[in-house]
Amino acid sequence: MGNPHATLSVLTGAISVLTLPLAVLATRYSGSYDLLHAGFAIPVGAVLGWLALSFARSGRRRAELTLGRAGGLRAARVGRLLGLAGLWLAGAGLIALGVYGVLEYIASTD
């Protein structure tokens, strides 16, 4: 039987959490991209986090409907936590990008 949505929630949640740090790491070793370009990974991480939450919800629902025979309840919980962490990282990146934009604006008006 199985519960593929629970497994997908863990996978997409883990990718969501890793998206922004890997984008920052990639800019560190690239000669043509700077740290500001890592901001393009923010919506990717947010969408993956949202998908992880959606898959976790579906996986939890399937586990409950089959009275636990499908399994995956623990994986759905982990996927939910990873999805939330990915959304949190995307939000933190968005706030950092916003603060940077405000500081650049203030510096340019002086």
PDB file of N, CA and C in Angstrom:
ATOM      1  N   MET A   1       0.853  -1.181   0.000  1.00  0.00           N
ATOM      2  CA  MET A   1       0.000   0.000   0.000  1.00  0.00           C
ATOM      3  C   MET A   1       0.896   1.241   0.000  1.00  0.00           C
ATOM      4  N   GLY A   2       1.470   1.610   1.096  1.00  0.00           N
ATOM      5  CA  GLY A   2       2.400   2.721   1.159  1.00  0.00           C
ATOM      6  C   GLY A   2       1.735   4.082   1.211  1.00  0.00           C
ATOM      7  N   ASN A   3       2.563   5.067   1.416  1.00  0.00           N
ATOM      8  CA  ASN A   3       2.101   6.439   1.528  1.00  0.00           C
ATOM      9  C   ASN A   3       3.102   7.352   0.814  1.00  0.00           C
ATOM     10  N   PRO A   4       3.013   7.452  -0.517  1.00  0.00           N
ATOM     11  CA  PRO A   4       4.013   8.237  -1.252  1.00  0.00           C
ATOM     12  C   PRO A   4       3.971   9.732  -0.955  1.00  0.00           C
ATOM     13  N   HIS A   5       2.840  10.255  -0.552  1.00  0.00           N
ATOM     14  CA  HIS A   5       2.763  11.693  -0.259  1.00  0.00           C
ATOM     15  C   HIS A   5       3.582  12.038   0.980  1.00  0.00           C
ATOM     16  N   ALA A   6       3.613  11.145   1.948  1.00  0.00           N
ATOM     17  CA  ALA A   6       4.430  11.388   3.137  1.00  0.00           C
ATOM     18  C   ALA A   6       5.907  11.425   2.757  1.00  0.00           C
ATOM     19  N   THR A   7       6.318  10.507   1.901  1.00  0.00           N
ATOM     20  CA  THR A   7       7.708  10.485   1.450  1.00  0.00           C
ATOM     21  C   THR A   7       8.034  11.725   0.630  1.00  0.00           C
ATOM     22  N   LEU A   8       7.124  12.127  -0.243  1.00  0.00           N
ATOM     23  CA  LEU A   8       7.330  13.340  -1.036  1.00  0.00           C
ATOM     24  C   LEU A   8       7.416  14.584  -0.156  1.00  0.00           C
ATOM     25  N   SER A   9       6.683  14.596   0.941  1.00  0.00           N
ATOM     26  CA  SER A   9       6.749  15.754   1.837  1.00  0.00           C
ATOM     27  C   SER A   9       8.131  15.890   2.454  1.00  0.00           C
ATOM     28  N   VAL A  10       8.740  14.768   2.823  1.00  0.00           N
ATOM     29  CA  VAL A  10      10.097  14.822   3.378  1.00  0.00           C
ATOM     30  C   VAL A  10      11.085  15.283   2.313  1.00  0.00           C
ATOM     31  N   LEU A  11      10.954  14.739   1.111  1.00  0.00           N
ATOM     32  CA  LEU A  11      11.872  15.085   0.025  1.00  0.00           C
ATOM     33  C   LEU A  11      11.761  16.563  -0.348  1.00  0.00           C
ATOM     34  N   THR A  12      10.555  17.040  -0.582  1.00  0.00           N
ATOM     35  CA  THR A  12      10.396  18.450  -0.970  1.00  0.00           C
ATOM     36  C   THR A  12      10.738  19.383   0.195  1.00  0.00           C
ATOM     37  N   GLY A  13      10.447  18.961   1.421  1.00  0.00           N
ATOM     38  CA  GLY A  13      10.816  19.776   2.576  1.00  0.00           C
ATOM     39  C   GLY A  13      12.318  19.909   2.726  1.00  0.00           C
ATOM     40  N   ALA A  14      13.043  18.802   2.523  1.00  0.00           N
ATOM     41  CA  ALA A  14      14.501  18.851   2.624  1.00  0.00           C
ATOM     42  C   ALA A  14      15.094  19.729   1.521  1.00  0.00           C
ATOM     43  N   ILE A  15      14.569  19.625   0.315  1.00  0.00           N
ATOM     44  CA  ILE A  15      15.055  20.473  -0.774  1.00  0.00           C
ATOM     45  C   ILE A  15      14.731  21.939  -0.494  1.00  0.00           C
ATOM     46  N   SER A  16      13.570  22.182   0.093  1.00  0.00           N
ATOM     47  CA  SER A  16      13.187  23.546   0.440  1.00  0.00           C
ATOM     48  C   SER A  16      14.160  24.153   1.452  1.00  0.00           C
ATOM     49  N   VAL A  17      14.528  23.362   2.443  1.00  0.00           N
ATOM     50  CA  VAL A  17      15.457  23.858   3.464  1.00  0.00           C
ATOM     51  C   VAL A  17      16.839  24.101   2.869  1.00  0.00           C
ATOM     52  N   LEU A  18      17.240  23.284   1.919  1.00  0.00           N
ATOM     53  CA  LEU A  18      18.578  23.406   1.342  1.00  0.00           C
ATOM     54  C   LEU A  18      18.683  24.429   0.218  1.00  0.00           C
ATOM     55  N   THR A  19      17.568  24.884  -0.317  1.00  0.00           N
ATOM     56  CA  THR A  19      17.587  25.765  -1.485  1.00  0.00           C
ATOM     57  C   THR A  19      18.367  27.050  -1.242  1.00  0.00           C
ATOM     58  N   LEU A  20      18.033  27.786  -0.223  1.00  0.00           N
ATOM     59  CA  LEU A  20      18.670  29.087   0.001  1.00  0.00           C
ATOM     60  C   LEU A  20      20.134  28.947   0.420  1.00  0.00           C
ATOM     61  N   PRO A  21      20.480  28.052   1.359  1.00  0.00           N
ATOM     62  CA  PRO A  21      21.905  27.904   1.681  1.00  0.00           C
ATOM     63  C   PRO A  21      22.751  27.472   0.478  1.00  0.00           C
ATOM     64  N   LEU A  22      22.208  26.590  -0.366  1.00  0.00           N
ATOM     65  CA  LEU A  22      22.970  26.179  -1.549  1.00  0.00           C
ATOM     66  C   LEU A  22      23.117  27.326  -2.550  1.00  0.00           C
ATOM     67  N   ALA A  23      22.102  28.174  -2.667  1.00  0.00           N
ATOM     68  CA  ALA A  23      22.204  29.334  -3.551  1.00  0.00           C
ATOM     69  C   ALA A  23      23.273  30.302  -3.047  1.00  0.00           C
ATOM     70  N   VAL A  24      23.328  30.503  -1.738  1.00  0.00           N
ATOM     71  CA  VAL A  24      24.350  31.378  -1.162  1.00  0.00           C
ATOM     72  C   VAL A  24      25.729  30.766  -1.374  1.00  0.00           C
ATOM     73  N   LEU A  25      25.840  29.459  -1.168  1.00  0.00           N
ATOM     74  CA  LEU A  25      27.116  28.776  -1.374  1.00  0.00           C
ATOM     75  C   LEU A  25      27.556  28.861  -2.828  1.00  0.00           C
ATOM     76  N   ALA A  26      26.622  28.732  -3.745  1.00  0.00           N
ATOM     77  CA  ALA A  26      26.953  28.811  -5.169  1.00  0.00           C
ATOM     78  C   ALA A  26      27.480  30.195  -5.540  1.00  0.00           C
ATOM     79  N   THR A  27      26.942  31.244  -4.947  1.00  0.00           N
ATOM     80  CA  THR A  27      27.428  32.591  -5.261  1.00  0.00           C
ATOM     81  C   THR A  27      28.827  32.815  -4.688  1.00  0.00           C
ATOM     82  N   ARG A  28      29.151  32.098  -3.662  1.00  0.00           N
ATOM     83  CA  ARG A  28      30.474  32.247  -3.054  1.00  0.00           C
ATOM     84  C   ARG A  28      31.583  31.749  -3.986  1.00  0.00           C
ATOM     85  N   TYR A  29      31.281  30.711  -4.763  1.00  0.00           N
ATOM     86  CA  TYR A  29      32.280  30.128  -5.648  1.00  0.00           C
ATOM     87  C   TYR A  29      32.116  30.547  -7.107  1.00  0.00           C
ATOM     88  N   SER A  30      31.210  31.463  -7.358  1.00  0.00           N
ATOM     89  CA  SER A  30      30.991  31.923  -8.726  1.00  0.00           C
ATOM     90  C   SER A  30      31.634  33.292  -8.915  1.00  0.00           C
ATOM     91  N   GLY A  31      32.218  33.453 -10.069  1.00  0.00           N
ATOM     92  CA  GLY A  31      32.829  34.742 -10.358  1.00  0.00           C
ATOM     93  C   GLY A  31      31.850  35.739 -10.963  1.00  0.00           C
ATOM     94  N   SER A  32      30.756  35.247 -11.518  1.00  0.00           N
ATOM     95  CA  SER A  32      29.831  36.139 -12.210  1.00  0.00           C
ATOM     96  C   SER A  32      28.568  36.465 -11.408  1.00  0.00           C
ATOM     97  N   TYR A  33      28.343  35.778 -10.304  1.00  0.00           N
ATOM     98  CA  TYR A  33      27.167  36.041  -9.476  1.00  0.00           C
ATOM     99  C   TYR A  33      27.605  36.521  -8.107  1.00  0.00           C
ATOM    100  N   ASP A  34      26.832  37.459  -7.545  1.00  0.00           N
ATOM    101  CA  ASP A  34      27.129  37.894  -6.183  1.00  0.00           C
ATOM    102  C   ASP A  34      25.991  37.469  -5.252  1.00  0.00           C
ATOM    103  N   LEU A  35      26.128  37.821  -4.008  1.00  0.00           N
ATOM    104  CA  LEU A  35      25.192  37.349  -2.983  1.00  0.00           C
ATOM    105  C   LEU A  35      23.760  37.797  -3.248  1.00  0.00           C
ATOM    106  N   LEU A  36      23.590  38.952  -3.850  1.00  0.00           N
ATOM    107  CA  LEU A  36      22.258  39.457  -4.144  1.00  0.00           C
ATOM    108  C   LEU A  36      21.513  38.552  -5.126  1.00  0.00           C
ATOM    109  N   HIS A  37      22.236  37.876  -6.003  1.00  0.00           N
ATOM    110  CA  HIS A  37      21.605  36.970  -6.958  1.00  0.00           C
ATOM    111  C   HIS A  37      21.015  35.731  -6.280  1.00  0.00           C
ATOM    112  N   ALA A  38      21.468  35.404  -5.079  1.00  0.00           N
ATOM    113  CA  ALA A  38      20.902  34.266  -4.346  1.00  0.00           C
ATOM    114  C   ALA A  38      19.453  34.533  -3.961  1.00  0.00           C
ATOM    115  N   GLY A  39      19.025  35.769  -4.032  1.00  0.00           N
ATOM    116  CA  GLY A  39      17.637  36.118  -3.736  1.00  0.00           C
ATOM    117  C   GLY A  39      16.644  35.469  -4.683  1.00  0.00           C
ATOM    118  N   PHE A  40      17.103  35.045  -5.853  1.00  0.00           N
ATOM    119  CA  PHE A  40      16.205  34.368  -6.793  1.00  0.00           C
ATOM    120  C   PHE A  40      15.791  32.985  -6.287  1.00  0.00           C
ATOM    121  N   ALA A  41      16.501  32.473  -5.290  1.00  0.00           N
ATOM    122  CA  ALA A  41      16.159  31.165  -4.717  1.00  0.00           C
ATOM    123  C   ALA A  41      15.050  31.275  -3.674  1.00  0.00           C
ATOM    124  N   ILE A  42      14.719  32.478  -3.245  1.00  0.00           N
ATOM    125  CA  ILE A  42      13.700  32.656  -2.205  1.00  0.00           C
ATOM    126  C   ILE A  42      12.335  32.130  -2.641  1.00  0.00           C
ATOM    127  N   PRO A  43      11.814  32.514  -3.806  1.00  0.00           N
ATOM    128  CA  PRO A  43      10.504  31.968  -4.194  1.00  0.00           C
ATOM    129  C   PRO A  43      10.542  30.459  -4.436  1.00  0.00           C
ATOM    130  N   VAL A  44      11.675  29.938  -4.892  1.00  0.00           N
ATOM    131  CA  VAL A  44      11.790  28.493  -5.102  1.00  0.00           C
ATOM    132  C   VAL A  44      11.668  27.767  -3.769  1.00  0.00           C
ATOM    133  N   GLY A  45      12.385  28.260  -2.753  1.00  0.00           N
ATOM    134  CA  GLY A  45      12.303  27.653  -1.426  1.00  0.00           C
ATOM    135  C   GLY A  45      10.914  27.761  -0.828  1.00  0.00           C
ATOM    136  N   ALA A  46      10.252  28.896  -1.061  1.00  0.00           N
ATOM    137  CA  ALA A  46       8.905  29.081  -0.522  1.00  0.00           C
ATOM    138  C   ALA A  46       7.905  28.136  -1.183  1.00  0.00           C
ATOM    139  N   VAL A  47       7.990  27.990  -2.492  1.00  0.00           N
ATOM    140  CA  VAL A  47       7.072  27.093  -3.206  1.00  0.00           C
ATOM    141  C   VAL A  47       7.313  25.645  -2.780  1.00  0.00           C
ATOM    142  N   LEU A  48       8.568  25.256  -2.651  1.00  0.00           N
ATOM    143  CA  LEU A  48       8.870  23.889  -2.215  1.00  0.00           C
ATOM    144  C   LEU A  48       8.399  23.648  -0.784  1.00  0.00           C
ATOM    145  N   GLY A  49       8.525  24.656   0.077  1.00  0.00           N
ATOM    146  CA  GLY A  49       8.019  24.527   1.442  1.00  0.00           C
ATOM    147  C   GLY A  49       6.512  24.369   1.471  1.00  0.00           C
ATOM    148  N   TRP A  50       5.835  25.139   0.636  1.00  0.00           N
ATOM    149  CA  TRP A  50       4.378  25.022   0.556  1.00  0.00           C
ATOM    150  C   TRP A  50       3.980  23.644   0.029  1.00  0.00           C
ATOM    151  N   LEU A  51       4.701  23.153  -0.977  1.00  0.00           N
ATOM    152  CA  LEU A  51       4.423  21.813  -1.501  1.00  0.00           C
ATOM    153  C   LEU A  51       4.650  20.739  -0.444  1.00  0.00           C
ATOM    154  N   ALA A  52       5.702  20.900   0.350  1.00  0.00           N
ATOM    155  CA  ALA A  52       5.968  19.935   1.423  1.00  0.00           C
ATOM    156  C   ALA A  52       4.826  19.915   2.429  1.00  0.00           C
ATOM    157  N   LEU A  53       4.302  21.083   2.751  1.00  0.00           N
ATOM    158  CA  LEU A  53       3.162  21.133   3.679  1.00  0.00           C
ATOM    159  C   LEU A  53       1.937  20.468   3.065  1.00  0.00           C
ATOM    160  N   SER A  54       1.722  20.695   1.783  1.00  0.00           N
ATOM    161  CA  SER A  54       0.582  20.087   1.107  1.00  0.00           C
ATOM    162  C   SER A  54       0.719  18.563   1.054  1.00  0.00           C
ATOM    163  N   PHE A  55       1.906  18.080   0.691  1.00  0.00           N
ATOM    164  CA  PHE A  55       2.128  16.635   0.662  1.00  0.00           C
ATOM    165  C   PHE A  55       2.000  16.024   2.060  1.00  0.00           C
ATOM    166  N   ALA A  56       2.488  16.732   3.069  1.00  0.00           N
ATOM    167  CA  ALA A  56       2.382  16.218   4.439  1.00  0.00           C
ATOM    168  C   ALA A  56       0.927  16.112   4.866  1.00  0.00           C
ATOM    169  N   ARG A  57       0.131  17.091   4.494  1.00  0.00           N
ATOM    170  CA  ARG A  57      -1.290  17.051   4.823  1.00  0.00           C
ATOM    171  C   ARG A  57      -1.963  15.854   4.148  1.00  0.00           C
ATOM    172  N   SER A  58      -1.637  15.638   2.874  1.00  0.00           N
ATOM    173  CA  SER A  58      -2.203  14.494   2.152  1.00  0.00           C
ATOM    174  C   SER A  58      -1.724  13.170   2.737  1.00  0.00           C
ATOM    175  N   GLY A  59      -0.454  13.111   3.096  1.00  0.00           N
ATOM    176  CA  GLY A  59       0.083  11.891   3.686  1.00  0.00           C
ATOM    177  C   GLY A  59      -0.535  11.585   5.038  1.00  0.00           C
ATOM    178  N   ARG A  60      -0.727  12.615   5.840  1.00  0.00           N
ATOM    179  CA  ARG A  60      -1.365  12.420   7.144  1.00  0.00           C
ATOM    180  C   ARG A  60      -2.815  11.973   6.971  1.00  0.00           C
ATOM    181  N   ARG A  61      -3.507  12.568   6.015  1.00  0.00           N
ATOM    182  CA  ARG A  61      -4.896  12.192   5.753  1.00  0.00           C
ATOM    183  C   ARG A  61      -4.994  10.729   5.304  1.00  0.00           C
ATOM    184  N   ARG A  62      -4.074  10.319   4.432  1.00  0.00           N
ATOM    185  CA  ARG A  62      -4.083   8.929   3.972  1.00  0.00           C
ATOM    186  C   ARG A  62      -3.808   7.965   5.124  1.00  0.00           C
ATOM    187  N   ALA A  63      -2.882   8.319   5.989  1.00  0.00           N
ATOM    188  CA  ALA A  63      -2.579   7.461   7.135  1.00  0.00           C
ATOM    189  C   ALA A  63      -3.781   7.354   8.066  1.00  0.00           C
ATOM    190  N   GLU A  64      -4.484   8.450   8.241  1.00  0.00           N
ATOM    191  CA  GLU A  64      -5.661   8.420   9.120  1.00  0.00           C
ATOM    192  C   GLU A  64      -6.813   7.646   8.487  1.00  0.00           C
ATOM    193  N   LEU A  65      -7.013   7.794   7.169  1.00  0.00           N
ATOM    194  CA  LEU A  65      -8.115   7.092   6.503  1.00  0.00           C
ATOM    195  C   LEU A  65      -7.909   5.580   6.478  1.00  0.00           C
ATOM    196  N   THR A  66      -6.662   5.152   6.442  1.00  0.00           N
ATOM    197  CA  THR A  66      -6.386   3.712   6.415  1.00  0.00           C
ATOM    198  C   THR A  66      -6.095   3.174   7.813  1.00  0.00           C
ATOM    199  N   LEU A  67      -6.376   3.981   8.829  1.00  0.00           N
ATOM    200  CA  LEU A  67      -6.155   3.598  10.222  1.00  0.00           C
ATOM    201  C   LEU A  67      -4.714   3.185  10.486  1.00  0.00           C
ATOM    202  N   GLY A  68      -3.797   3.868   9.834  1.00  0.00           N
ATOM    203  CA  GLY A  68      -2.380   3.632  10.051  1.00  0.00           C
ATOM    204  C   GLY A  68      -1.776   2.525   9.213  1.00  0.00           C
ATOM    205  N   ARG A  69      -2.575   1.778   8.465  1.00  0.00           N
ATOM    206  CA  ARG A  69      -2.026   0.677   7.663  1.00  0.00           C
ATOM    207  C   ARG A  69      -1.141   1.183   6.535  1.00  0.00           C
ATOM    208  N   ALA A  70      -1.414   2.357   6.015  1.00  0.00           N
ATOM    209  CA  ALA A  70      -0.594   2.908   4.932  1.00  0.00           C
ATOM    210  C   ALA A  70       0.742   3.385   5.455  1.00  0.00           C
ATOM    211  N   GLY A  71       0.833   3.656   6.755  1.00  0.00           N
ATOM    212  CA  GLY A  71       2.078   4.153   7.327  1.00  0.00           C
ATOM    213  C   GLY A  71       2.329   5.595   6.917  1.00  0.00           C
ATOM    214  N   GLY A  72       3.505   6.069   7.233  1.00  0.00           N
ATOM    215  CA  GLY A  72       3.909   7.400   6.803  1.00  0.00           C
ATOM    216  C   GLY A  72       3.517   8.536   7.715  1.00  0.00           C
ATOM    217  N   LEU A  73       2.938   8.242   8.872  1.00  0.00           N
ATOM    218  CA  LEU A  73       2.532   9.330   9.755  1.00  0.00           C
ATOM    219  C   LEU A  73       3.755  10.093  10.275  1.00  0.00           C
ATOM    220  N   ARG A  74       4.789   9.371  10.635  1.00  0.00           N
ATOM    221  CA  ARG A  74       6.010  10.019  11.116  1.00  0.00           C
ATOM    222  C   ARG A  74       6.688  10.802   9.994  1.00  0.00           C
ATOM    223  N   ALA A  75       6.706  10.227   8.796  1.00  0.00           N
ATOM    224  CA  ALA A  75       7.299  10.926   7.646  1.00  0.00           C
ATOM    225  C   ALA A  75       6.511  12.189   7.324  1.00  0.00           C
ATOM    226  N   ALA A  76       5.200  12.135   7.454  1.00  0.00           N
ATOM    227  CA  ALA A  76       4.380  13.324   7.204  1.00  0.00           C
ATOM    228  C   ALA A  76       4.687  14.413   8.227  1.00  0.00           C
ATOM    229  N   ARG A  77       4.924  14.013   9.464  1.00  0.00           N
ATOM    230  CA  ARG A  77       5.284  15.012  10.493  1.00  0.00           C
ATOM    231  C   ARG A  77       6.629  15.646  10.188  1.00  0.00           C
ATOM    232  N   VAL A  78       7.602  14.810   9.815  1.00  0.00           N
ATOM    233  CA  VAL A  78       8.925  15.332   9.470  1.00  0.00           C
ATOM    234  C   VAL A  78       8.833  16.239   8.252  1.00  0.00           C
ATOM    235  N   GLY A  79       8.074  15.829   7.247  1.00  0.00           N
ATOM    236  CA  GLY A  79       7.888  16.652   6.053  1.00  0.00           C
ATOM    237  C   GLY A  79       7.235  17.980   6.374  1.00  0.00           C
ATOM    238  N   ARG A  80       6.290  17.955   7.305  1.00  0.00           N
ATOM    239  CA  ARG A  80       5.631  19.202   7.718  1.00  0.00           C
ATOM    240  C   ARG A  80       6.633  20.139   8.392  1.00  0.00           C
ATOM    241  N   LEU A  81       7.463  19.583   9.280  1.00  0.00           N
ATOM    242  CA  LEU A  81       8.462  20.412   9.957  1.00  0.00           C
ATOM    243  C   LEU A  81       9.490  20.966   8.975  1.00  0.00           C
ATOM    244  N   LEU A  82       9.915  20.134   8.027  1.00  0.00           N
ATOM    245  CA  LEU A  82      10.866  20.618   7.022  1.00  0.00           C
ATOM    246  C   LEU A  82      10.232  21.674   6.124  1.00  0.00           C
ATOM    247  N   GLY A  83       8.968  21.494   5.772  1.00  0.00           N
ATOM    248  CA  GLY A  83       8.274  22.497   4.971  1.00  0.00           C
ATOM    249  C   GLY A  83       8.152  23.825   5.697  1.00  0.00           C
ATOM    250  N   LEU A  84       7.824  23.759   6.982  1.00  0.00           N
ATOM    251  CA  LEU A  84       7.755  24.988   7.780  1.00  0.00           C
ATOM    252  C   LEU A  84       9.115  25.657   7.887  1.00  0.00           C
ATOM    253  N   ALA A  85      10.165  24.847   8.071  1.00  0.00           N
ATOM    254  CA  ALA A  85      11.519  25.407   8.141  1.00  0.00           C
ATOM    255  C   ALA A  85      11.908  26.049   6.813  1.00  0.00           C
ATOM    256  N   GLY A  86      11.535  25.422   5.700  1.00  0.00           N
ATOM    257  CA  GLY A  86      11.823  26.009   4.396  1.00  0.00           C
ATOM    258  C   GLY A  86      11.097  27.329   4.184  1.00  0.00           C
ATOM    259  N   LEU A  87       9.840  27.379   4.617  1.00  0.00           N
ATOM    260  CA  LEU A  87       9.093  28.641   4.524  1.00  0.00           C
ATOM    261  C   LEU A  87       9.702  29.707   5.426  1.00  0.00           C
ATOM    262  N   TRP A  88      10.147  29.288   6.602  1.00  0.00           N
ATOM    263  CA  TRP A  88      10.770  30.234   7.528  1.00  0.00           C
ATOM    264  C   TRP A  88      12.057  30.793   6.925  1.00  0.00           C
ATOM    265  N   LEU A  89      12.872  29.932   6.327  1.00  0.00           N
ATOM    266  CA  LEU A  89      14.109  30.397   5.696  1.00  0.00           C
ATOM    267  C   LEU A  89      13.819  31.337   4.527  1.00  0.00           C
ATOM    268  N   ALA A  90      12.810  31.019   3.745  1.00  0.00           N
ATOM    269  CA  ALA A  90      12.441  31.896   2.632  1.00  0.00           C
ATOM    270  C   ALA A  90      11.961  33.250   3.162  1.00  0.00           C
ATOM    271  N   GLY A  91      11.185  33.236   4.245  1.00  0.00           N
ATOM    272  CA  GLY A  91      10.736  34.487   4.847  1.00  0.00           C
ATOM    273  C   GLY A  91      11.886  35.296   5.403  1.00  0.00           C
ATOM    274  N   ALA A  92      12.825  34.622   6.054  1.00  0.00           N
ATOM    275  CA  ALA A  92      13.999  35.320   6.589  1.00  0.00           C
ATOM    276  C   ALA A  92      14.833  35.914   5.456  1.00  0.00           C
ATOM    277  N   GLY A  93      14.970  35.173   4.364  1.00  0.00           N
ATOM    278  CA  GLY A  93      15.698  35.700   3.207  1.00  0.00           C
ATOM    279  C   GLY A  93      14.999  36.899   2.591  1.00  0.00           C
ATOM    280  N   LEU A  94      13.676  36.847   2.545  1.00  0.00           N
ATOM    281  CA  LEU A  94      12.911  37.967   2.005  1.00  0.00           C
ATOM    282  C   LEU A  94      13.059  39.208   2.885  1.00  0.00           C
ATOM    283  N   ILE A  95      13.026  39.017   4.188  1.00  0.00           N
ATOM    284  CA  ILE A  95      13.224  40.147   5.106  1.00  0.00           C
ATOM    285  C   ILE A  95      14.626  40.720   4.944  1.00  0.00           C
ATOM    286  N   ALA A  96      15.637  39.852   4.841  1.00  0.00           N
ATOM    287  CA  ALA A  96      17.013  40.324   4.663  1.00  0.00           C
ATOM    288  C   ALA A  96      17.156  41.099   3.357  1.00  0.00           C
ATOM    289  N   LEU A  97      16.530  40.606   2.308  1.00  0.00           N
ATOM    290  CA  LEU A  97      16.585  41.295   1.019  1.00  0.00           C
ATOM    291  C   LEU A  97      15.881  42.651   1.097  1.00  0.00           C
ATOM    292  N   GLY A  98      14.760  42.709   1.819  1.00  0.00           N
ATOM    293  CA  GLY A  98      14.048  43.971   2.008  1.00  0.00           C
ATOM    294  C   GLY A  98      14.860  44.984   2.793  1.00  0.00           C
ATOM    295  N   VAL A  99      15.508  44.528   3.863  1.00  0.00           N
ATOM    296  CA  VAL A  99      16.352  45.423   4.662  1.00  0.00           C
ATOM    297  C   VAL A  99      17.516  45.932   3.821  1.00  0.00           C
ATOM    298  N   TYR A 100      18.100  45.060   3.026  1.00  0.00           N
ATOM    299  CA  TYR A 100      19.186  45.473   2.132  1.00  0.00           C
ATOM    300  C   TYR A 100      18.706  46.550   1.149  1.00  0.00           C
ATOM    301  N   GLY A 101      17.513  46.343   0.584  1.00  0.00           N
ATOM    302  CA  GLY A 101      16.968  47.331  -0.345  1.00  0.00           C
ATOM    303  C   GLY A 101      16.730  48.678   0.314  1.00  0.00           C
ATOM    304  N   VAL A 102      16.207  48.659   1.530  1.00  0.00           N
ATOM    305  CA  VAL A 102      15.974  49.918   2.257  1.00  0.00           C
ATOM    306  C   VAL A 102      17.292  50.614   2.557  1.00  0.00           C
ATOM    307  N   LEU A 103      18.289  49.859   2.995  1.00  0.00           N
ATOM    308  CA  LEU A 103      19.594  50.460   3.294  1.00  0.00           C
ATOM    309  C   LEU A 103      20.258  51.012   2.039  1.00  0.00           C
ATOM    310  N   GLU A 104      20.125  50.316   0.923  1.00  0.00           N
ATOM    311  CA  GLU A 104      20.674  50.831  -0.338  1.00  0.00           C
ATOM    312  C   GLU A 104      19.957  52.111  -0.753  1.00  0.00           C
ATOM    313  N   TYR A 105      18.654  52.156  -0.550  1.00  0.00           N
ATOM    314  CA  TYR A 105      17.883  53.367  -0.893  1.00  0.00           C
ATOM    315  C   TYR A 105      18.325  54.541  -0.029  1.00  0.00           C
ATOM    316  N   ILE A 106      18.466  54.289   1.270  1.00  0.00           N
ATOM    317  CA  ILE A 106      18.884  55.361   2.186  1.00  0.00           C
ATOM    318  C   ILE A 106      20.288  55.846   1.818  1.00  0.00           C
ATOM    319  N   ALA A 107      21.177  54.905   1.483  1.00  0.00           N
ATOM    320  CA  ALA A 107      22.540  55.291   1.133  1.00  0.00           C
ATOM    321  C   ALA A 107      22.576  56.090  -0.170  1.00  0.00           C
ATOM    322  N   SER A 108      21.687  55.785  -1.095  1.00  0.00           N
ATOM    323  CA  SER A 108      21.714  56.488  -2.383  1.00  0.00           C
ATOM    324  C   SER A 108      21.122  57.890  -2.290  1.00  0.00           C
ATOM    325  N   THR A 109      20.333  58.176  -1.259  1.00  0.00           N
ATOM    326  CA  THR A 109      19.727  59.504  -1.136  1.00  0.00           C
ATOM    327  C   THR A 109      20.638  60.487  -0.430  1.00  0.00           C
ATOM    328  N   ASP A 110      21.707  60.004   0.170  1.00  0.00           N
ATOM    329  CA  ASP A 110      22.622  60.918   0.875  1.00  0.00           C
ATOM    330  C   ASP A 110      23.581  61.598  -0.027  1.00  0.00           C
TER     331      ASP A 110
END
